[in-house]
Amino acid sequence: MPTGFEKKNKAEASFTPSIDSFEITSKFQEYFTEVKDPRVEKTRLHSLTDIIISILAVIAGAEGWEDIEEYGVNKKEWLGTFLELTFGIPSPDTFRRVFERINPKEFEQCFQMWIQSLVKKLGVEVVAIDGKVLKGSYDRKSQLKALHMVSAWSKEHRLVLGQRKVSDKSNEITAIPALLEMLDISGCIITIDAMGTQKSIAKKIIEADADYILSLKDNHPTLHQQVKNWFEIAQSLGFKDVDVNISQRIEKGHHRIENRQVYTVPISQIPALREQDDWVGLKIVVMVVRSVQHWNKTTNEVQFYISSLASDANKIGGAIRQHWGIENSVHWTLDVTFHEDECRIRSLHSPQNFALLRRIALNALERETSFRRSLRQKSRRAAMNDQYMVSVLAAALSNSTLELESTCQ
C-alpha cells in the first residue's frame, strides 16, 4: 500500500499535461520578435529568435552567459524541435555580444506587450513601485556605477509589470514618471516609497485617472512633522470629535505576531498642511502603527502616508500591505533565487537586458501554479523536465489559470 509521501510524489509527477512544445514556444517568441538584431547581417551565424534559449536558461537558473550555453548544449536535442540551430548553440561570447547591443527600450517594449496580454482580462488594482540597485553591476575600472532599476509590481497577480533604468546622473524621481508612462494605470492604486513622494508624481498619477498612496518621511520634513504632531495629539485625546477611520489586523506566522493599526483622517479635519493645495488630489492622511513580537524582542514602528483615496482604513491598509510585497516577493527573490546582487554582468546594455531576463523568468515561474513549491524548486524542475518548462511558458501565456487548464485538457 503506497504511503502518503509516495502518493504525493505520484501526483506531482503526473500533474504536467501534454503540451505542444513548438506551439507554446512559438507563441512566446512572438512577443519578442520586434527586437531589432544589432549585428551586421553578414556576420550573423545564429538567428536572433534563438533569444528564447536565454529566457529558458534563466528560468532554469542560469546566472551568466556560460550558464546559458551550458543549458543550450544539454538541451540541444529538445531545443532543436522548435529552433533552427543551424550552427548549433551560440557561444557565451555570442550571447554576451548580442545582449550588450540589444536596445533595452525595444526589449522592454516587447516585455510590456507580453505583460499587457496577461493583465488585460485580470485587471490590476494595486501597483507598487520601488527601486533596487544591482550591487554587482558596478565596474570600478571604468568608473561605472551599479545599475539602479525601478520596477512596478502587482501582488494580486504576482507579476513584475515593468522596469525602468535610473539615469546615472539622476535618481528615482525621474525614473518613476517614465515607468508610469509605460503602464496603463487607469483605475489603479499606485503605492510609492518616500523617494517618489513628489508633487509632480502625484499630479501625473491623478491625470492618468489613478489614485496614490505616498509614504511620508523626512524628505518632506515640515509636512511629515505636521502630520506626526497632529496624530500624536489626536491619539492622546482618543480622536475626540475627529472623523477617523480605524482598522486593526493581527497576523501570526514565521515565529512572530504582527499587530497593525491603520488610521485614516480626511485633511478637512486637520489644520492647513504645508503646500496642501500643491498636492493634486490629496484627500487623507494616514498613520500605520506596527508592533511585531518576535521570540526574543518586540519592535514598534509608526509610518505616515498621504493619499488621494477616500478615508477607508481597511482599503488603505490592504494596499500598503501589498506594497511591502515588492520587497519580499521581488527584490528578495531576485537576490536569493536568481542571485542578482552577485551577478557581475556589467558591460554596455547587458546588465539592463539581463535584469529583464530575470524578471521574465520570475513572472513565468510565478504564473505556474500546478507545482506548489518554492520558485527555486520550480526553477530546478524546469531545468530537468522539458515538459514542465513548456508548462511554465504556457502559464506565462495564459490570461487566467482556468484558461490554461481548459487549453491543456
Protein backbone atom coordinates (compact mmCIF):
# COMPACT_ATOMS: atom_id res chain seq x y z
CA MET A 1 0.00 0.00 0.00
CA PRO A 2 1.57 3.38 -1.06
CA THR A 3 2.49 5.81 1.66
CA GLY A 4 1.29 9.41 1.77
CA PHE A 5 4.71 10.54 0.57
CA GLU A 6 4.57 8.17 -2.41
CA LYS A 7 1.05 9.34 -3.26
CA LYS A 8 2.23 12.96 -3.20
CA ASN A 9 5.20 12.24 -5.45
CA LYS A 10 2.98 10.29 -7.83
CA ALA A 11 0.51 13.16 -8.01
CA GLU A 12 3.27 15.70 -8.64
CA ALA A 13 4.87 13.51 -11.28
CA SER A 14 1.60 13.25 -13.22
CA PHE A 15 0.49 16.88 -12.96
CA THR A 16 2.05 18.07 -16.23
CA PRO A 17 -0.37 17.96 -19.16
CA SER A 18 0.81 17.14 -22.66
CA ILE A 19 1.54 20.46 -24.31
CA ASP A 20 2.88 21.10 -27.80
CA SER A 21 6.39 22.49 -27.28
CA PHE A 22 6.56 24.05 -30.74
CA GLU A 23 3.20 25.80 -30.42
CA ILE A 24 3.84 27.22 -26.94
CA THR A 25 7.44 28.34 -27.51
CA SER A 26 6.49 29.88 -30.87
CA LYS A 27 3.71 31.90 -29.23
CA PHE A 28 6.08 33.04 -26.50
CA GLN A 29 8.71 34.03 -29.06
CA GLU A 30 6.18 36.18 -30.94
CA TYR A 31 6.24 38.76 -28.15
CA PHE A 32 9.97 39.35 -28.69
CA THR A 33 10.13 39.46 -32.50
CA GLU A 34 10.10 43.28 -32.52
CA VAL A 35 13.60 43.41 -31.04
CA LYS A 36 15.95 44.54 -33.81
CA ASP A 37 19.07 42.49 -34.40
CA PRO A 38 22.04 44.79 -33.61
CA ARG A 39 24.51 42.67 -35.57
CA VAL A 40 25.75 43.23 -39.13
CA GLU A 41 23.73 40.81 -41.26
CA LYS A 42 26.67 39.08 -42.98
CA THR A 43 28.26 38.29 -39.62
CA ARG A 44 25.23 36.53 -38.17
CA LEU A 45 25.59 32.80 -37.68
CA HIS A 46 22.73 32.43 -35.22
CA SER A 47 19.17 33.73 -35.54
CA LEU A 48 18.07 36.36 -33.04
CA THR A 49 14.97 34.23 -32.43
CA ASP A 50 17.32 31.91 -30.56
CA ILE A 51 16.98 34.51 -27.78
CA ILE A 52 14.37 32.07 -26.44
CA ILE A 53 17.33 29.94 -25.26
CA SER A 54 18.34 32.77 -22.92
CA ILE A 55 14.84 33.08 -21.46
CA LEU A 56 14.54 29.32 -20.94
CA ALA A 57 18.01 29.12 -19.43
CA VAL A 58 17.34 31.91 -16.91
CA ILE A 59 14.04 30.26 -15.96
CA ALA A 60 16.14 27.14 -15.35
CA GLY A 61 18.54 29.09 -13.11
CA ALA A 62 21.23 30.41 -15.47
CA GLU A 63 23.16 33.33 -13.96
CA GLY A 64 25.50 34.22 -16.82
CA TRP A 65 26.49 33.61 -20.43
CA GLU A 66 28.34 30.34 -19.74
CA ASP A 67 25.29 29.01 -17.89
CA ILE A 68 23.08 29.86 -20.87
CA GLU A 69 25.40 28.00 -23.25
CA GLU A 70 25.56 25.02 -20.87
CA TYR A 71 21.77 24.84 -20.76
CA GLY A 72 21.62 25.03 -24.56
CA VAL A 73 24.22 22.30 -25.05
CA ASN A 74 22.45 19.93 -22.65
CA LYS A 75 19.02 20.65 -24.14
CA LYS A 76 20.11 20.86 -27.79
CA GLU A 77 18.03 17.90 -28.95
CA TRP A 78 14.84 19.27 -27.39
CA LEU A 79 15.58 22.87 -28.42
CA GLY A 80 16.05 21.63 -31.98
CA THR A 81 12.37 20.63 -32.12
CA PHE A 82 11.32 24.30 -32.25
CA LEU A 83 14.51 26.29 -33.06
CA GLU A 84 16.60 26.13 -36.24
CA LEU A 85 20.03 25.98 -34.56
CA THR A 86 21.70 25.68 -37.98
CA PHE A 87 25.09 26.41 -36.44
CA GLY A 88 24.41 24.76 -33.11
CA ILE A 89 24.22 26.51 -29.74
CA PRO A 90 25.67 30.05 -29.65
CA SER A 91 28.83 30.52 -27.61
CA PRO A 92 28.89 32.53 -24.36
CA ASP A 93 30.63 35.38 -26.21
CA THR A 94 27.84 35.45 -28.79
CA PHE A 95 25.16 35.72 -26.12
CA ARG A 96 27.18 38.45 -24.38
CA ARG A 97 27.75 40.49 -27.55
CA VAL A 98 24.10 40.32 -28.56
CA PHE A 99 22.76 41.38 -25.15
CA GLU A 100 25.38 44.13 -24.89
CA ARG A 101 23.91 45.73 -28.00
CA ILE A 102 20.20 44.94 -27.94
CA ASN A 103 18.29 48.17 -27.40
CA PRO A 104 16.88 47.88 -23.83
CA LYS A 105 13.87 50.06 -24.68
CA GLU A 106 12.88 47.74 -27.53
CA PHE A 107 13.35 44.72 -25.28
CA GLU A 108 11.24 46.36 -22.55
CA GLN A 109 8.51 47.25 -25.06
CA CYS A 110 8.27 43.59 -26.03
CA PHE A 111 8.11 42.71 -22.33
CA GLN A 112 5.25 45.21 -22.00
CA MET A 113 3.33 43.59 -24.87
CA TRP A 114 3.55 40.27 -23.06
CA ILE A 115 2.52 41.72 -19.70
CA GLN A 116 -0.42 43.59 -21.22
CA SER A 117 -1.69 40.34 -22.71
CA LEU A 118 -1.68 38.84 -19.20
CA VAL A 119 -3.26 41.65 -17.20
CA LYS A 120 -5.79 42.79 -19.82
CA LYS A 121 -8.51 40.47 -18.55
CA LEU A 122 -7.31 40.04 -14.98
CA GLY A 123 -7.26 43.72 -14.06
CA VAL A 124 -4.80 45.22 -11.60
CA GLU A 125 -5.88 47.15 -8.52
CA VAL A 126 -2.67 47.96 -6.62
CA VAL A 127 0.63 48.76 -8.35
CA ALA A 128 3.67 49.01 -6.05
CA ILE A 129 6.65 50.97 -7.36
CA ASP A 130 10.09 50.72 -5.80
CA GLY A 131 13.75 50.88 -6.75
CA LYS A 132 16.55 48.32 -6.49
CA VAL A 133 20.30 48.60 -7.02
CA LEU A 134 22.04 45.68 -8.77
CA LYS A 135 25.07 45.74 -6.48
CA GLY A 136 27.34 43.56 -8.59
CA SER A 137 26.91 45.55 -11.81
CA TYR A 138 29.48 48.25 -10.99
CA ASP A 139 32.82 48.45 -12.77
CA ARG A 140 35.45 50.29 -10.75
CA LYS A 141 37.97 50.36 -13.60
CA SER A 142 35.52 52.09 -15.94
CA GLN A 143 34.09 54.23 -13.10
CA LEU A 144 30.70 52.66 -13.80
CA LYS A 145 28.15 52.86 -11.02
CA ALA A 146 25.93 49.91 -10.12
CA LEU A 147 22.75 49.75 -12.18
CA HIS A 148 19.69 51.16 -10.41
CA MET A 149 16.29 49.91 -11.62
CA VAL A 150 12.77 50.99 -10.70
CA SER A 151 10.11 48.27 -11.01
CA ALA A 152 6.33 48.13 -10.86
CA TRP A 153 4.77 45.09 -9.16
CA SER A 154 1.27 43.65 -8.87
CA LYS A 155 0.99 41.45 -5.80
CA GLU A 156 -2.52 40.38 -6.81
CA HIS A 157 -1.13 38.59 -9.85
CA ARG A 158 2.47 38.25 -8.65
CA LEU A 159 3.78 39.96 -11.76
CA VAL A 160 6.51 42.48 -12.44
CA LEU A 161 4.61 44.90 -14.70
CA GLY A 162 7.56 46.93 -15.94
CA GLN A 163 11.01 48.30 -15.18
CA ARG A 164 12.94 51.48 -15.95
CA LYS A 165 16.63 52.25 -15.55
CA VAL A 166 17.56 55.17 -13.29
CA SER A 167 19.91 57.53 -15.11
CA ASP A 168 23.50 57.60 -13.81
CA LYS A 169 23.21 61.32 -13.02
CA SER A 170 19.68 61.19 -11.64
CA ASN A 171 17.53 59.27 -9.15
CA GLU A 172 14.19 57.50 -8.86
CA ILE A 173 12.31 60.82 -9.08
CA THR A 174 12.93 60.97 -12.83
CA ALA A 175 12.60 57.23 -13.49
CA ILE A 176 9.20 56.83 -11.81
CA PRO A 177 7.27 59.14 -14.21
CA ALA A 178 8.86 57.35 -17.17
CA LEU A 179 7.79 54.00 -15.71
CA LEU A 180 4.24 55.29 -15.11
CA GLU A 181 4.04 56.34 -18.76
CA MET A 182 4.82 52.76 -19.81
CA LEU A 183 1.86 51.37 -17.86
CA ASP A 184 -1.89 51.67 -18.21
CA ILE A 185 -2.62 52.66 -14.61
CA SER A 186 -6.17 53.92 -15.08
CA GLY A 187 -8.28 52.86 -12.08
CA CYS A 188 -5.26 51.58 -10.15
CA ILE A 189 -3.91 52.50 -6.73
CA ILE A 190 -0.22 53.45 -7.03
CA THR A 191 1.90 52.96 -3.91
CA ILE A 192 5.38 54.51 -3.76
CA ASP A 193 8.00 54.83 -1.03
CA ALA A 194 9.27 58.21 0.20
CA MET A 195 11.62 58.86 -2.74
CA GLY A 196 8.61 59.06 -5.05
CA THR A 197 6.59 61.32 -2.76
CA GLN A 198 6.72 64.29 -5.13
CA LYS A 199 4.04 66.77 -6.19
CA SER A 200 4.77 66.19 -9.88
CA ILE A 201 4.38 62.42 -9.48
CA ALA A 202 1.11 62.79 -7.55
CA LYS A 203 -0.19 65.05 -10.33
CA LYS A 204 0.85 62.56 -13.02
CA ILE A 205 -0.97 59.73 -11.25
CA ILE A 206 -4.18 61.74 -10.91
CA GLU A 207 -4.00 62.83 -14.56
CA ALA A 208 -3.78 59.14 -15.51
CA ASP A 209 -7.10 58.54 -13.70
CA ALA A 210 -5.44 56.62 -10.88
CA ASP A 211 -5.03 57.13 -7.13
CA TYR A 212 -1.93 57.28 -4.95
CA ILE A 213 -0.68 56.31 -1.51
CA LEU A 214 2.67 58.02 -0.93
CA SER A 215 4.96 57.38 2.02
CA LEU A 216 5.73 60.49 4.05
CA LYS A 217 9.17 60.69 5.63
CA ASP A 218 11.92 63.20 6.31
CA ASN A 219 12.38 64.10 2.64
CA HIS A 220 9.41 66.41 3.33
CA PRO A 221 10.38 67.35 6.89
CA THR A 222 7.81 70.10 7.56
CA LEU A 223 4.85 68.20 6.17
CA HIS A 224 5.99 64.99 7.88
CA GLN A 225 6.35 66.76 11.23
CA GLN A 226 2.94 68.45 10.88
CA VAL A 227 1.18 65.14 10.25
CA LYS A 228 3.13 63.38 13.01
CA ASN A 229 2.39 66.08 15.59
CA TRP A 230 -1.30 66.15 14.71
CA PHE A 231 -1.70 62.38 15.03
CA GLU A 232 0.16 62.31 18.35
CA ILE A 233 -2.14 64.94 19.84
CA ALA A 234 -5.32 63.47 18.36
CA GLN A 235 -4.40 59.97 19.54
CA SER A 236 -3.66 61.20 23.07
CA LEU A 237 -7.19 62.67 23.14
CA GLY A 238 -8.72 59.46 21.83
CA PHE A 239 -9.52 61.13 18.48
CA LYS A 240 -12.30 63.09 20.20
CA ASP A 241 -14.53 64.91 17.67
CA VAL A 242 -12.36 63.62 14.80
CA ASP A 243 -13.75 61.77 11.79
CA VAL A 244 -11.20 58.95 11.94
CA ASN A 245 -11.46 55.52 10.33
CA ILE A 246 -9.56 52.75 12.11
CA SER A 247 -8.58 49.25 11.07
CA GLN A 248 -6.69 46.65 13.10
CA ARG A 249 -5.22 43.37 11.94
CA ILE A 250 -3.23 40.74 13.81
CA GLU A 251 -1.21 38.15 11.90
CA LYS A 252 0.71 35.17 13.25
CA GLY A 253 3.38 33.28 11.40
CA HIS A 254 7.12 32.87 10.82
CA HIS A 255 7.62 32.76 14.60
CA ARG A 256 6.22 36.23 15.14
CA ILE A 257 2.97 38.08 15.90
CA GLU A 258 2.34 41.30 13.98
CA ASN A 259 -0.26 43.83 15.11
CA ARG A 260 -1.09 46.56 12.58
CA GLN A 261 -3.35 49.52 13.22
CA VAL A 262 -4.29 51.87 10.39
CA TYR A 263 -5.80 55.33 10.96
CA THR A 264 -7.14 57.43 8.08
CA VAL A 265 -8.33 61.02 8.50
CA PRO A 266 -9.69 63.48 5.87
CA ILE A 267 -7.48 66.54 5.50
CA SER A 268 -10.55 68.68 6.26
CA GLN A 269 -10.12 67.55 9.88
CA ILE A 270 -6.56 68.90 10.08
CA PRO A 271 -5.29 72.49 10.18
CA ALA A 272 -3.85 73.61 6.84
CA LEU A 273 -0.88 71.47 5.87
CA ARG A 274 2.23 72.90 4.24
CA GLU A 275 1.63 73.43 0.48
CA GLN A 276 -1.53 71.35 0.82
CA ASP A 277 -3.09 72.67 -2.39
CA ASP A 278 0.01 71.72 -4.41
CA TRP A 279 -0.65 68.01 -3.79
CA VAL A 280 -3.17 67.31 -6.56
CA GLY A 281 -5.99 65.04 -5.43
CA LEU A 282 -4.92 64.90 -1.77
CA LYS A 283 -7.82 63.75 0.44
CA ILE A 284 -6.50 62.00 3.52
CA VAL A 285 -3.50 61.47 5.78
CA VAL A 286 -2.69 58.03 7.13
CA MET A 287 -0.88 56.63 10.16
CA VAL A 288 0.16 52.98 10.37
CA VAL A 289 1.31 51.61 13.73
CA ARG A 290 3.09 48.25 13.59
CA SER A 291 4.10 46.16 16.55
CA VAL A 292 5.99 42.95 15.79
CA GLN A 293 6.55 40.46 18.61
CA HIS A 294 9.47 38.11 17.95
CA TRP A 295 10.53 35.28 20.24
CA ASN A 296 13.18 37.45 21.87
CA LYS A 297 12.08 41.06 21.33
CA THR A 298 9.26 43.38 20.25
CA THR A 299 9.73 46.10 17.63
CA ASN A 300 7.48 49.11 17.11
CA GLU A 301 7.19 51.30 14.04
CA VAL A 302 4.99 54.24 13.04
CA GLN A 303 4.67 55.33 9.40
CA PHE A 304 2.75 58.16 7.77
CA TYR A 305 1.25 58.48 4.29
CA ILE A 306 -0.76 60.89 2.15
CA SER A 307 -3.39 59.62 -0.28
CA SER A 308 -5.95 60.64 -2.88
CA LEU A 309 -8.33 57.89 -1.76
CA ALA A 310 -11.38 58.25 0.47
CA SER A 311 -10.98 57.59 4.20
CA ASP A 312 -11.19 53.79 4.35
CA ALA A 313 -8.66 52.24 6.73
CA ASN A 314 -9.28 48.66 5.57
CA LYS A 315 -8.68 49.51 1.91
CA ILE A 316 -5.69 51.74 2.62
CA GLY A 317 -4.13 49.19 4.97
CA GLY A 318 -4.53 46.42 2.41
CA ALA A 319 -2.86 48.47 -0.33
CA ILE A 320 0.06 49.40 1.95
CA ARG A 321 0.45 45.75 2.90
CA GLN A 322 0.59 44.84 -0.80
CA HIS A 323 3.32 47.43 -1.34
CA TRP A 324 5.56 45.65 1.17
CA GLY A 325 5.29 42.61 -1.11
CA ILE A 326 7.64 44.17 -3.67
CA GLU A 327 10.48 43.85 -1.16
CA ASN A 328 9.67 40.27 -0.17
CA SER A 329 8.36 38.83 -3.43
CA VAL A 330 10.53 40.68 -5.95
CA HIS A 331 13.74 42.14 -4.51
CA TRP A 332 14.36 39.32 -2.03
CA THR A 333 13.55 36.66 -4.64
CA LEU A 334 15.79 38.23 -7.27
CA ASP A 335 18.68 38.22 -4.81
CA VAL A 336 18.11 34.83 -3.15
CA THR A 337 16.74 32.74 -6.04
CA PHE A 338 18.37 34.46 -9.03
CA HIS A 339 21.45 35.85 -7.18
CA GLU A 340 21.00 39.24 -8.85
CA ASP A 341 23.23 41.16 -6.44
CA GLU A 342 26.09 38.74 -7.04
CA CYS A 343 25.90 38.97 -10.84
CA ARG A 344 28.96 40.68 -12.38
CA ILE A 345 27.48 41.24 -15.85
CA ARG A 346 28.22 44.94 -16.39
CA SER A 347 29.20 45.78 -19.98
CA LEU A 348 27.14 48.15 -22.17
CA HIS A 349 23.41 47.25 -22.19
CA SER A 350 23.91 43.71 -20.87
CA PRO A 351 23.13 44.43 -17.15
CA GLN A 352 19.79 46.04 -18.02
CA ASN A 353 18.84 43.36 -20.54
CA PHE A 354 19.85 40.51 -18.23
CA ALA A 355 17.85 42.14 -15.42
CA LEU A 356 14.82 41.96 -17.72
CA LEU A 357 15.54 38.29 -18.45
CA ARG A 358 15.39 37.63 -14.70
CA ARG A 359 12.06 39.45 -14.40
CA ILE A 360 10.64 37.47 -17.33
CA ALA A 361 11.75 34.29 -15.56
CA LEU A 362 10.30 35.47 -12.24
CA ASN A 363 6.92 36.22 -13.84
CA ALA A 364 6.81 32.94 -15.73
CA LEU A 365 7.63 30.84 -12.65
CA GLU A 366 5.13 32.77 -10.50
CA ARG A 367 2.37 32.14 -13.05
CA GLU A 368 2.85 28.36 -12.99
CA THR A 369 0.79 27.07 -10.05
CA SER A 370 0.40 23.33 -10.59
CA PHE A 371 3.75 22.53 -8.92
CA ARG A 372 3.28 24.02 -5.46
CA ARG A 373 6.86 24.52 -4.38
CA SER A 374 9.26 27.43 -3.97
CA LEU A 375 10.47 29.34 -7.04
CA ARG A 376 13.87 27.72 -6.54
CA GLN A 377 12.34 24.25 -6.77
CA LYS A 378 10.24 25.28 -9.77
CA SER A 379 13.37 26.56 -11.48
CA ARG A 380 15.19 23.30 -10.80
CA ARG A 381 12.30 21.24 -12.15
CA ALA A 382 12.18 23.41 -15.28
CA ALA A 383 15.91 22.76 -15.76
CA MET A 384 15.44 18.99 -15.56
CA ASN A 385 11.97 18.47 -17.03
CA ASP A 386 11.35 19.86 -20.53
CA GLN A 387 7.61 19.27 -20.34
CA TYR A 388 7.45 21.27 -17.12
CA MET A 389 9.42 24.07 -18.80
CA VAL A 390 6.76 24.17 -21.50
CA SER A 391 4.03 24.24 -18.87
CA VAL A 392 5.79 27.27 -17.29
CA LEU A 393 5.71 29.04 -20.67
CA ALA A 394 2.08 28.00 -21.17
CA ALA A 395 1.18 29.53 -17.81
CA ALA A 396 3.10 32.66 -18.83
CA LEU A 397 0.88 32.96 -21.91
CA SER A 398 -2.48 32.43 -20.23
CA ASN A 399 -4.82 35.18 -19.02
CA SER A 400 -6.01 33.01 -16.16
CA THR A 401 -5.37 29.64 -14.55
CA LEU A 402 -8.75 28.37 -15.73
CA GLU A 403 -7.91 29.33 -19.30
CA LEU A 404 -4.66 27.39 -19.08
CA GLU A 405 -6.40 24.33 -17.65
CA SER A 406 -9.04 24.33 -20.38
CA THR A 407 -6.29 24.69 -23.02
CA CYS A 408 -4.33 21.76 -21.66
CA GLN A 409 -7.23 19.32 -21.30
